[in-house]
Amino acid sequence: MAVKRLVMMVAVVVAAAVVAAEGFKLCNMSEDDLETCKPAVSKPTPADPSAECCKALSGADLTCLCSYKNSETLPLLGIDPDLAMALPAKCKLTPPSQC
């Protein structure tokens, strides 16, 4: 039992090191891309999306982002899901039809 626990802990540490080395990514958006858009998707007074934000969003997997609509992940990142779902239209991008 102790060996299994040790193997599991090593796997978690290795996975965390890989994520740290590669940086955080969400639906083809890097951590920097997400930070660029954060002012547009944060309450209480969201800003209009910047050109840099819209450029980053244009390379994102919008269907993937849509899957986070009802997730706890976005709020944990300081992102309001409703504002995030409205962002593609504000950037003149076509959101997925099922979003």
PDB file of N, CA and C in Angstrom:
ATOM      1  N   MET A   1       0.816  -1.186   0.000  1.00  0.00           N
ATOM      2  CA  MET A   1       0.000   0.000   0.000  1.00  0.00           C
ATOM      3  C   MET A   1       0.865   1.258   0.000  1.00  0.00           C
ATOM      4  N   ALA A   2       1.927   1.268   0.801  1.00  0.00           N
ATOM      5  CA  ALA A   2       2.818   2.430   0.885  1.00  0.00           C
ATOM      6  C   ALA A   2       3.526   2.667  -0.447  1.00  0.00           C
ATOM      7  N   VAL A   3       3.865   1.598  -1.142  1.00  0.00           N
ATOM      8  CA  VAL A   3       4.527   1.734  -2.439  1.00  0.00           C
ATOM      9  C   VAL A   3       3.590   2.382  -3.456  1.00  0.00           C
ATOM     10  N   LYS A   4       2.316   1.973  -3.454  1.00  0.00           N
ATOM     11  CA  LYS A   4       1.333   2.572  -4.363  1.00  0.00           C
ATOM     12  C   LYS A   4       1.195   4.064  -4.091  1.00  0.00           C
ATOM     13  N   ARG A   5       1.141   4.424  -2.828  1.00  0.00           N
ATOM     14  CA  ARG A   5       0.995   5.835  -2.458  1.00  0.00           C
ATOM     15  C   ARG A   5       2.218   6.630  -2.911  1.00  0.00           C
ATOM     16  N   LEU A   6       3.402   6.060  -2.735  1.00  0.00           N
ATOM     17  CA  LEU A   6       4.632   6.726  -3.149  1.00  0.00           C
ATOM     18  C   LEU A   6       4.661   6.913  -4.663  1.00  0.00           C
ATOM     19  N   VAL A   7       4.270   5.890  -5.405  1.00  0.00           N
ATOM     20  CA  VAL A   7       4.235   5.980  -6.867  1.00  0.00           C
ATOM     21  C   VAL A   7       3.249   7.058  -7.297  1.00  0.00           C
ATOM     22  N   MET A   8       2.099   7.114  -6.642  1.00  0.00           N
ATOM     23  CA  MET A   8       1.095   8.122  -6.967  1.00  0.00           C
ATOM     24  C   MET A   8       1.625   9.525  -6.686  1.00  0.00           C
ATOM     25  N   MET A   9       2.307   9.704  -5.554  1.00  0.00           N
ATOM     26  CA  MET A   9       2.863  11.019  -5.218  1.00  0.00           C
ATOM     27  C   MET A   9       3.916  11.440  -6.230  1.00  0.00           C
ATOM     28  N   VAL A  10       4.756  10.534  -6.650  1.00  0.00           N
ATOM     29  CA  VAL A  10       5.775  10.840  -7.652  1.00  0.00           C
ATOM     30  C   VAL A  10       5.107  11.240  -8.967  1.00  0.00           C
ATOM     31  N   ALA A  11       4.065  10.535  -9.359  1.00  0.00           N
ATOM     32  CA  ALA A  11       3.348  10.868 -10.596  1.00  0.00           C
ATOM     33  C   ALA A  11       2.751  12.265 -10.531  1.00  0.00           C
ATOM     34  N   VAL A  12       2.179  12.627  -9.388  1.00  0.00           N
ATOM     35  CA  VAL A  12       1.595  13.959  -9.223  1.00  0.00           C
ATOM     36  C   VAL A  12       2.678  15.024  -9.300  1.00  0.00           C
ATOM     37  N   VAL A  13       3.799  14.801  -8.658  1.00  0.00           N
ATOM     38  CA  VAL A  13       4.905  15.771  -8.678  1.00  0.00           C
ATOM     39  C   VAL A  13       5.438  15.934 -10.101  1.00  0.00           C
ATOM     40  N   VAL A  14       5.602  14.857 -10.820  1.00  0.00           N
ATOM     41  CA  VAL A  14       6.080  14.924 -12.201  1.00  0.00           C
ATOM     42  C   VAL A  14       5.076  15.673 -13.075  1.00  0.00           C
ATOM     43  N   ALA A  15       3.802  15.382 -12.921  1.00  0.00           N
ATOM     44  CA  ALA A  15       2.775  16.073 -13.708  1.00  0.00           C
ATOM     45  C   ALA A  15       2.779  17.563 -13.400  1.00  0.00           C
ATOM     46  N   ALA A  16       2.913  17.934 -12.148  1.00  0.00           N
ATOM     47  CA  ALA A  16       2.952  19.349 -11.767  1.00  0.00           C
ATOM     48  C   ALA A  16       4.181  20.030 -12.353  1.00  0.00           C
ATOM     49  N   ALA A  17       5.301  19.344 -12.373  1.00  0.00           N
ATOM     50  CA  ALA A  17       6.526  19.913 -12.942  1.00  0.00           C
ATOM     51  C   ALA A  17       6.379  20.142 -14.439  1.00  0.00           C
ATOM     52  N   VAL A  18       5.729  19.221 -15.126  1.00  0.00           N
ATOM     53  CA  VAL A  18       5.507  19.375 -16.571  1.00  0.00           C
ATOM     54  C   VAL A  18       4.612  20.575 -16.840  1.00  0.00           C
ATOM     55  N   VAL A  19       3.540  20.713 -16.085  1.00  0.00           N
ATOM     56  CA  VAL A  19       2.635  21.858 -16.259  1.00  0.00           C
ATOM     57  C   VAL A  19       3.379  23.154 -15.983  1.00  0.00           C
ATOM     58  N   ALA A  20       4.180  23.185 -14.935  1.00  0.00           N
ATOM     59  CA  ALA A  20       4.928  24.391 -14.600  1.00  0.00           C
ATOM     60  C   ALA A  20       5.940  24.731 -15.688  1.00  0.00           C
ATOM     61  N   ALA A  21       6.578  23.732 -16.249  1.00  0.00           N
ATOM     62  CA  ALA A  21       7.576  23.971 -17.288  1.00  0.00           C
ATOM     63  C   ALA A  21       6.933  24.462 -18.579  1.00  0.00           C
ATOM     64  N   GLU A  22       5.779  23.907 -18.915  1.00  0.00           N
ATOM     65  CA  GLU A  22       5.115  24.269 -20.160  1.00  0.00           C
ATOM     66  C   GLU A  22       4.199  25.472 -20.001  1.00  0.00           C
ATOM     67  N   GLY A  23       3.845  25.814 -18.791  1.00  0.00           N
ATOM     68  CA  GLY A  23       2.903  26.904 -18.561  1.00  0.00           C
ATOM     69  C   GLY A  23       1.480  26.400 -18.661  1.00  0.00           C
ATOM     70  N   PHE A  24       0.580  27.185 -18.103  1.00  0.00           N
ATOM     71  CA  PHE A  24      -0.828  26.824 -18.081  1.00  0.00           C
ATOM     72  C   PHE A  24      -1.456  27.133 -19.436  1.00  0.00           C
ATOM     73  N   LYS A  25      -2.243  26.218 -19.971  1.00  0.00           N
ATOM     74  CA  LYS A  25      -2.983  26.435 -21.214  1.00  0.00           C
ATOM     75  C   LYS A  25      -4.419  25.977 -21.008  1.00  0.00           C
ATOM     76  N   LEU A  26      -5.339  26.698 -21.638  1.00  0.00           N
ATOM     77  CA  LEU A  26      -6.748  26.344 -21.582  1.00  0.00           C
ATOM     78  C   LEU A  26      -7.323  26.578 -22.964  1.00  0.00           C
ATOM     79  N   CYS A  27      -7.698  25.509 -23.641  1.00  0.00           N
ATOM     80  CA  CYS A  27      -8.354  25.596 -24.954  1.00  0.00           C
ATOM     81  C   CYS A  27      -7.529  26.404 -25.964  1.00  0.00           C
ATOM     82  N   ASN A  28      -6.259  26.108 -26.036  1.00  0.00           N
ATOM     83  CA  ASN A  28      -5.313  26.768 -26.945  1.00  0.00           C
ATOM     84  C   ASN A  28      -5.028  28.220 -26.571  1.00  0.00           C
ATOM     85  N   MET A  29      -5.353  28.603 -25.350  1.00  0.00           N
ATOM     86  CA  MET A  29      -4.991  29.932 -24.855  1.00  0.00           C
ATOM     87  C   MET A  29      -3.958  29.754 -23.750  1.00  0.00           C
ATOM     88  N   SER A  30      -2.846  30.447 -23.891  1.00  0.00           N
ATOM     89  CA  SER A  30      -1.805  30.376 -22.876  1.00  0.00           C
ATOM     90  C   SER A  30      -2.216  31.188 -21.650  1.00  0.00           C
ATOM     91  N   GLU A  31      -1.452  31.059 -20.613  1.00  0.00           N
ATOM     92  CA  GLU A  31      -1.707  31.846 -19.407  1.00  0.00           C
ATOM     93  C   GLU A  31      -1.632  33.342 -19.729  1.00  0.00           C
ATOM     94  N   ASP A  32      -0.677  33.731 -20.574  1.00  0.00           N
ATOM     95  CA  ASP A  32      -0.560  35.138 -20.980  1.00  0.00           C
ATOM     96  C   ASP A  32      -1.781  35.587 -21.775  1.00  0.00           C
ATOM     97  N   ASP A  33      -2.292  34.722 -22.662  1.00  0.00           N
ATOM     98  CA  ASP A  33      -3.500  35.049 -23.434  1.00  0.00           C
ATOM     99  C   ASP A  33      -4.682  35.273 -22.501  1.00  0.00           C
ATOM    100  N   LEU A  34      -4.824  34.386 -21.526  1.00  0.00           N
ATOM    101  CA  LEU A  34      -5.922  34.513 -20.572  1.00  0.00           C
ATOM    102  C   LEU A  34      -5.805  35.815 -19.777  1.00  0.00           C
ATOM    103  N   GLU A  35      -4.598  36.149 -19.363  1.00  0.00           N
ATOM    104  CA  GLU A  35      -4.382  37.393 -18.619  1.00  0.00           C
ATOM    105  C   GLU A  35      -4.691  38.617 -19.479  1.00  0.00           C
ATOM    106  N   THR A  36      -4.397  38.538 -20.769  1.00  0.00           N
ATOM    107  CA  THR A  36      -4.685  39.641 -21.680  1.00  0.00           C
ATOM    108  C   THR A  36      -6.182  39.909 -21.749  1.00  0.00           C
ATOM    109  N   CYS A  37      -6.979  38.856 -21.682  1.00  0.00           N
ATOM    110  CA  CYS A  37      -8.434  38.993 -21.774  1.00  0.00           C
ATOM    111  C   CYS A  37      -9.113  39.183 -20.424  1.00  0.00           C
ATOM    112  N   LYS A  38      -8.398  38.996 -19.348  1.00  0.00           N
ATOM    113  CA  LYS A  38      -9.020  39.013 -18.025  1.00  0.00           C
ATOM    114  C   LYS A  38      -9.781  40.308 -17.722  1.00  0.00           C
ATOM    115  N   PRO A  39      -9.275  41.497 -18.092  1.00  0.00           N
ATOM    116  CA  PRO A  39     -10.054  42.708 -17.802  1.00  0.00           C
ATOM    117  C   PRO A  39     -11.438  42.724 -18.462  1.00  0.00           C
ATOM    118  N   ALA A  40     -11.583  42.007 -19.569  1.00  0.00           N
ATOM    119  CA  ALA A  40     -12.866  41.978 -20.283  1.00  0.00           C
ATOM    120  C   ALA A  40     -13.839  40.950 -19.718  1.00  0.00           C
ATOM    121  N   VAL A  41     -13.352  40.065 -18.874  1.00  0.00           N
ATOM    122  CA  VAL A  41     -14.215  38.995 -18.365  1.00  0.00           C
ATOM    123  C   VAL A  41     -14.254  38.946 -16.838  1.00  0.00           C
ATOM    124  N   SER A  42     -13.882  40.051 -16.223  1.00  0.00           N
ATOM    125  CA  SER A  42     -13.863  40.133 -14.760  1.00  0.00           C
ATOM    126  C   SER A  42     -14.847  41.187 -14.282  1.00  0.00           C
ATOM    127  N   LYS A  43     -15.626  40.826 -13.256  1.00  0.00           N
ATOM    128  CA  LYS A  43     -16.556  41.767 -12.644  1.00  0.00           C
ATOM    129  C   LYS A  43     -15.808  42.565 -11.587  1.00  0.00           C
ATOM    130  N   PRO A  44     -16.245  43.686 -11.161  1.00  0.00           N
ATOM    131  CA  PRO A  44     -17.575  44.258 -11.356  1.00  0.00           C
ATOM    132  C   PRO A  44     -17.686  45.173 -12.579  1.00  0.00           C
ATOM    133  N   THR A  45     -16.555  45.644 -13.083  1.00  0.00           N
ATOM    134  CA  THR A  45     -16.619  46.569 -14.222  1.00  0.00           C
ATOM    135  C   THR A  45     -15.727  46.061 -15.347  1.00  0.00           C
ATOM    136  N   PRO A  46     -16.247  45.146 -16.161  1.00  0.00           N
ATOM    137  CA  PRO A  46     -15.424  44.603 -17.253  1.00  0.00           C
ATOM    138  C   PRO A  46     -15.114  45.674 -18.296  1.00  0.00           C
ATOM    139  N   ALA A  47     -13.915  45.600 -18.839  1.00  0.00           N
ATOM    140  CA  ALA A  47     -13.489  46.508 -19.898  1.00  0.00           C
ATOM    141  C   ALA A  47     -13.854  45.920 -21.248  1.00  0.00           C
ATOM    142  N   ASP A  48     -13.823  46.747 -22.273  1.00  0.00           N
ATOM    143  CA  ASP A  48     -13.968  46.216 -23.627  1.00  0.00           C
ATOM    144  C   ASP A  48     -12.725  45.385 -23.926  1.00  0.00           C
ATOM    145  N   PRO A  49     -12.866  44.317 -24.710  1.00  0.00           N
ATOM    146  CA  PRO A  49     -11.685  43.497 -25.011  1.00  0.00           C
ATOM    147  C   PRO A  49     -10.686  44.289 -25.853  1.00  0.00           C
ATOM    148  N   SER A  50      -9.427  44.133 -25.536  1.00  0.00           N
ATOM    149  CA  SER A  50      -8.362  44.789 -26.294  1.00  0.00           C
ATOM    150  C   SER A  50      -8.127  44.049 -27.607  1.00  0.00           C
ATOM    151  N   ALA A  51      -7.423  44.691 -28.505  1.00  0.00           N
ATOM    152  CA  ALA A  51      -7.065  44.045 -29.777  1.00  0.00           C
ATOM    153  C   ALA A  51      -6.225  42.801 -29.511  1.00  0.00           C
ATOM    154  N   GLU A  52      -5.348  42.873 -28.506  1.00  0.00           N
ATOM    155  CA  GLU A  52      -4.503  41.721 -28.152  1.00  0.00           C
ATOM    156  C   GLU A  52      -5.351  40.565 -27.641  1.00  0.00           C
ATOM    157  N   CYS A  53      -6.374  40.892 -26.860  1.00  0.00           N
ATOM    158  CA  CYS A  53      -7.275  39.861 -26.349  1.00  0.00           C
ATOM    159  C   CYS A  53      -7.997  39.180 -27.512  1.00  0.00           C
ATOM    160  N   CYS A  54      -8.540  39.984 -28.410  1.00  0.00           N
ATOM    161  CA  CYS A  54      -9.281  39.414 -29.544  1.00  0.00           C
ATOM    162  C   CYS A  54      -8.375  38.571 -30.438  1.00  0.00           C
ATOM    163  N   LYS A  55      -7.127  38.993 -30.586  1.00  0.00           N
ATOM    164  CA  LYS A  55      -6.172  38.204 -31.374  1.00  0.00           C
ATOM    165  C   LYS A  55      -5.926  36.858 -30.691  1.00  0.00           C
ATOM    166  N   ALA A  56      -5.735  36.885 -29.378  1.00  0.00           N
ATOM    167  CA  ALA A  56      -5.528  35.637 -28.624  1.00  0.00           C
ATOM    168  C   ALA A  56      -6.762  34.743 -28.722  1.00  0.00           C
ATOM    169  N   LEU A  57      -7.934  35.345 -28.606  1.00  0.00           N
ATOM    170  CA  LEU A  57      -9.180  34.584 -28.653  1.00  0.00           C
ATOM    171  C   LEU A  57      -9.409  33.976 -30.035  1.00  0.00           C
ATOM    172  N   SER A  58      -8.922  34.648 -31.080  1.00  0.00           N
ATOM    173  CA  SER A  58      -9.117  34.125 -32.439  1.00  0.00           C
ATOM    174  C   SER A  58      -8.369  32.813 -32.657  1.00  0.00           C
ATOM    175  N   GLY A  59      -7.341  32.549 -31.845  1.00  0.00           N
ATOM    176  CA  GLY A  59      -6.604  31.296 -31.948  1.00  0.00           C
ATOM    177  C   GLY A  59      -7.077  30.235 -30.965  1.00  0.00           C
ATOM    178  N   ALA A  60      -8.075  30.586 -30.167  1.00  0.00           N
ATOM    179  CA  ALA A  60      -8.572  29.653 -29.150  1.00  0.00           C
ATOM    180  C   ALA A  60      -9.560  28.661 -29.738  1.00  0.00           C
ATOM    181  N   ASP A  61      -9.709  27.557 -29.065  1.00  0.00           N
ATOM    182  CA  ASP A  61     -10.716  26.561 -29.417  1.00  0.00           C
ATOM    183  C   ASP A  61     -12.009  26.987 -28.719  1.00  0.00           C
ATOM    184  N   LEU A  62     -12.882  27.693 -29.452  1.00  0.00           N
ATOM    185  CA  LEU A  62     -14.093  28.251 -28.850  1.00  0.00           C
ATOM    186  C   LEU A  62     -15.056  27.172 -28.365  1.00  0.00           C
ATOM    187  N   THR A  63     -15.104  26.050 -29.050  1.00  0.00           N
ATOM    188  CA  THR A  63     -15.956  24.943 -28.601  1.00  0.00           C
ATOM    189  C   THR A  63     -15.457  24.430 -27.254  1.00  0.00           C
ATOM    190  N   CYS A  64     -14.160  24.336 -27.121  1.00  0.00           N
ATOM    191  CA  CYS A  64     -13.568  23.911 -25.851  1.00  0.00           C
ATOM    192  C   CYS A  64     -13.901  24.924 -24.761  1.00  0.00           C
ATOM    193  N   LEU A  65     -13.724  26.212 -25.051  1.00  0.00           N
ATOM    194  CA  LEU A  65     -14.043  27.237 -24.058  1.00  0.00           C
ATOM    195  C   LEU A  65     -15.504  27.169 -23.649  1.00  0.00           C
ATOM    196  N   CYS A  66     -16.364  26.875 -24.601  1.00  0.00           N
ATOM    197  CA  CYS A  66     -17.799  26.752 -24.326  1.00  0.00           C
ATOM    198  C   CYS A  66     -18.073  25.648 -23.307  1.00  0.00           C
ATOM    199  N   SER A  67     -17.266  24.626 -23.332  1.00  0.00           N
ATOM    200  CA  SER A  67     -17.476  23.508 -22.410  1.00  0.00           C
ATOM    201  C   SER A  67     -17.252  23.917 -20.955  1.00  0.00           C
ATOM    202  N   TYR A  68     -16.649  25.061 -20.730  1.00  0.00           N
ATOM    203  CA  TYR A  68     -16.409  25.557 -19.375  1.00  0.00           C
ATOM    204  C   TYR A  68     -17.517  26.486 -18.893  1.00  0.00           C
ATOM    205  N   LYS A  69     -18.549  26.639 -19.681  1.00  0.00           N
ATOM    206  CA  LYS A  69     -19.642  27.574 -19.380  1.00  0.00           C
ATOM    207  C   LYS A  69     -20.214  27.384 -17.975  1.00  0.00           C
ATOM    208  N   ASN A  70     -20.446  26.160 -17.574  1.00  0.00           N
ATOM    209  CA  ASN A  70     -21.035  25.873 -16.262  1.00  0.00           C
ATOM    210  C   ASN A  70     -20.038  25.238 -15.302  1.00  0.00           C
ATOM    211  N   SER A  71     -18.778  25.409 -15.600  1.00  0.00           N
ATOM    212  CA  SER A  71     -17.718  24.810 -14.800  1.00  0.00           C
ATOM    213  C   SER A  71     -17.302  25.741 -13.656  1.00  0.00           C
ATOM    214  N   GLU A  72     -16.718  25.167 -12.641  1.00  0.00           N
ATOM    215  CA  GLU A  72     -16.162  25.956 -11.538  1.00  0.00           C
ATOM    216  C   GLU A  72     -14.770  26.481 -11.877  1.00  0.00           C
ATOM    217  N   THR A  73     -14.207  26.024 -12.990  1.00  0.00           N
ATOM    218  CA  THR A  73     -12.842  26.401 -13.349  1.00  0.00           C
ATOM    219  C   THR A  73     -12.706  27.893 -13.624  1.00  0.00           C
ATOM    220  N   LEU A  74     -13.595  28.450 -14.445  1.00  0.00           N
ATOM    221  CA  LEU A  74     -13.471  29.862 -14.796  1.00  0.00           C
ATOM    222  C   LEU A  74     -13.549  30.775 -13.573  1.00  0.00           C
ATOM    223  N   PRO A  75     -14.540  30.608 -12.699  1.00  0.00           N
ATOM    224  CA  PRO A  75     -14.561  31.458 -11.507  1.00  0.00           C
ATOM    225  C   PRO A  75     -13.299  31.322 -10.642  1.00  0.00           C
ATOM    226  N   LEU A  76     -12.735  30.125 -10.592  1.00  0.00           N
ATOM    227  CA  LEU A  76     -11.499  29.938  -9.826  1.00  0.00           C
ATOM    228  C   LEU A  76     -10.346  30.742 -10.426  1.00  0.00           C
ATOM    229  N   LEU A  77     -10.424  31.021 -11.726  1.00  0.00           N
ATOM    230  CA  LEU A  77      -9.409  31.820 -12.403  1.00  0.00           C
ATOM    231  C   LEU A  77      -9.756  33.310 -12.395  1.00  0.00           C
ATOM    232  N   GLY A  78     -10.855  33.668 -11.727  1.00  0.00           N
ATOM    233  CA  GLY A  78     -11.275  35.065 -11.673  1.00  0.00           C
ATOM    234  C   GLY A  78     -12.009  35.521 -12.919  1.00  0.00           C
ATOM    235  N   ILE A  79     -12.570  34.562 -13.656  1.00  0.00           N
ATOM    236  CA  ILE A  79     -13.266  34.842 -14.914  1.00  0.00           C
ATOM    237  C   ILE A  79     -14.755  34.605 -14.722  1.00  0.00           C
ATOM    238  N   ASP A  80     -15.565  35.587 -15.096  1.00  0.00           N
ATOM    239  CA  ASP A  80     -17.014  35.433 -15.029  1.00  0.00           C
ATOM    240  C   ASP A  80     -17.470  34.650 -16.268  1.00  0.00           C
ATOM    241  N   PRO A  81     -18.099  33.490 -16.091  1.00  0.00           N
ATOM    242  CA  PRO A  81     -18.496  32.669 -17.246  1.00  0.00           C
ATOM    243  C   PRO A  81     -19.417  33.392 -18.226  1.00  0.00           C
ATOM    244  N   ASP A  82     -20.374  34.185 -17.740  1.00  0.00           N
ATOM    245  CA  ASP A  82     -21.282  34.894 -18.648  1.00  0.00           C
ATOM    246  C   ASP A  82     -20.525  35.915 -19.503  1.00  0.00           C
ATOM    247  N   LEU A  83     -19.605  36.635 -18.878  1.00  0.00           N
ATOM    248  CA  LEU A  83     -18.791  37.592 -19.640  1.00  0.00           C
ATOM    249  C   LEU A  83     -17.889  36.866 -20.632  1.00  0.00           C
ATOM    250  N   ALA A  84     -17.359  35.723 -20.214  1.00  0.00           N
ATOM    251  CA  ALA A  84     -16.488  34.948 -21.098  1.00  0.00           C
ATOM    252  C   ALA A  84     -17.251  34.438 -22.322  1.00  0.00           C
ATOM    253  N   MET A  85     -18.491  34.003 -22.130  1.00  0.00           N
ATOM    254  CA  MET A  85     -19.286  33.492 -23.246  1.00  0.00           C
ATOM    255  C   MET A  85     -19.681  34.615 -24.213  1.00  0.00           C
ATOM    256  N   ALA A  86     -19.727  35.855 -23.734  1.00  0.00           N
ATOM    257  CA  ALA A  86     -20.071  36.996 -24.591  1.00  0.00           C
ATOM    258  C   ALA A  86     -18.845  37.544 -25.321  1.00  0.00           C
ATOM    259  N   LEU A  87     -17.661  37.143 -24.924  1.00  0.00           N
ATOM    260  CA  LEU A  87     -16.436  37.705 -25.478  1.00  0.00           C
ATOM    261  C   LEU A  87     -16.253  37.461 -26.980  1.00  0.00           C
ATOM    262  N   PRO A  88     -16.502  36.264 -27.514  1.00  0.00           N
ATOM    263  CA  PRO A  88     -16.311  36.084 -28.958  1.00  0.00           C
ATOM    264  C   PRO A  88     -17.112  37.092 -29.792  1.00  0.00           C
ATOM    265  N   ALA A  89     -18.345  37.330 -29.445  1.00  0.00           N
ATOM    266  CA  ALA A  89     -19.160  38.287 -30.207  1.00  0.00           C
ATOM    267  C   ALA A  89     -18.568  39.691 -30.111  1.00  0.00           C
ATOM    268  N   LYS A  90     -18.053  40.059 -28.935  1.00  0.00           N
ATOM    269  CA  LYS A  90     -17.437  41.376 -28.772  1.00  0.00           C
ATOM    270  C   LYS A  90     -16.172  41.508 -29.610  1.00  0.00           C
ATOM    271  N   CYS A  91     -15.540  40.384 -29.897  1.00  0.00           N
ATOM    272  CA  CYS A  91     -14.328  40.365 -30.735  1.00  0.00           C
ATOM    273  C   CYS A  91     -14.676  40.086 -32.206  1.00  0.00           C
ATOM    274  N   LYS A  92     -15.950  40.112 -32.507  1.00  0.00           N
ATOM    275  CA  LYS A  92     -16.440  39.847 -33.870  1.00  0.00           C
ATOM    276  C   LYS A  92     -16.021  38.465 -34.384  1.00  0.00           C
ATOM    277  N   LEU A  93     -16.075  37.499 -33.465  1.00  0.00           N
ATOM    278  CA  LEU A  93     -15.821  36.099 -33.804  1.00  0.00           C
ATOM    279  C   LEU A  93     -17.146  35.360 -33.696  1.00  0.00           C
ATOM    280  N   THR A  94     -17.304  34.346 -34.507  1.00  0.00           N
ATOM    281  CA  THR A  94     -18.536  33.564 -34.476  1.00  0.00           C
ATOM    282  C   THR A  94     -18.436  32.486 -33.397  1.00  0.00           C
ATOM    283  N   PRO A  95     -19.281  32.595 -32.371  1.00  0.00           N
ATOM    284  CA  PRO A  95     -19.233  31.565 -31.330  1.00  0.00           C
ATOM    285  C   PRO A  95     -19.831  30.260 -31.849  1.00  0.00           C
ATOM    286  N   PRO A  96     -19.479  29.147 -31.236  1.00  0.00           N
ATOM    287  CA  PRO A  96     -20.072  27.868 -31.623  1.00  0.00           C
ATOM    288  C   PRO A  96     -21.595  27.921 -31.469  1.00  0.00           C
ATOM    289  N   SER A  97     -22.289  27.247 -32.340  1.00  0.00           N
ATOM    290  CA  SER A  97     -23.757  27.306 -32.350  1.00  0.00           C
ATOM    291  C   SER A  97     -24.372  26.714 -31.085  1.00  0.00           C
ATOM    292  N   GLN A  98     -23.725  25.760 -30.472  1.00  0.00           N
ATOM    293  CA  GLN A  98     -24.304  25.109 -29.284  1.00  0.00           C
ATOM    294  C   GLN A  98     -23.822  25.733 -27.976  1.00  0.00           C
ATOM    295  N   CYS A  99     -23.269  26.920 -28.027  1.00  0.00           N
ATOM    296  CA  CYS A  99     -22.716  27.533 -26.816  1.00  0.00           C
ATOM    297  C   CYS A  99     -23.770  28.366 -26.111  1.00  0.00           C
TER     298      CYS A  99
END
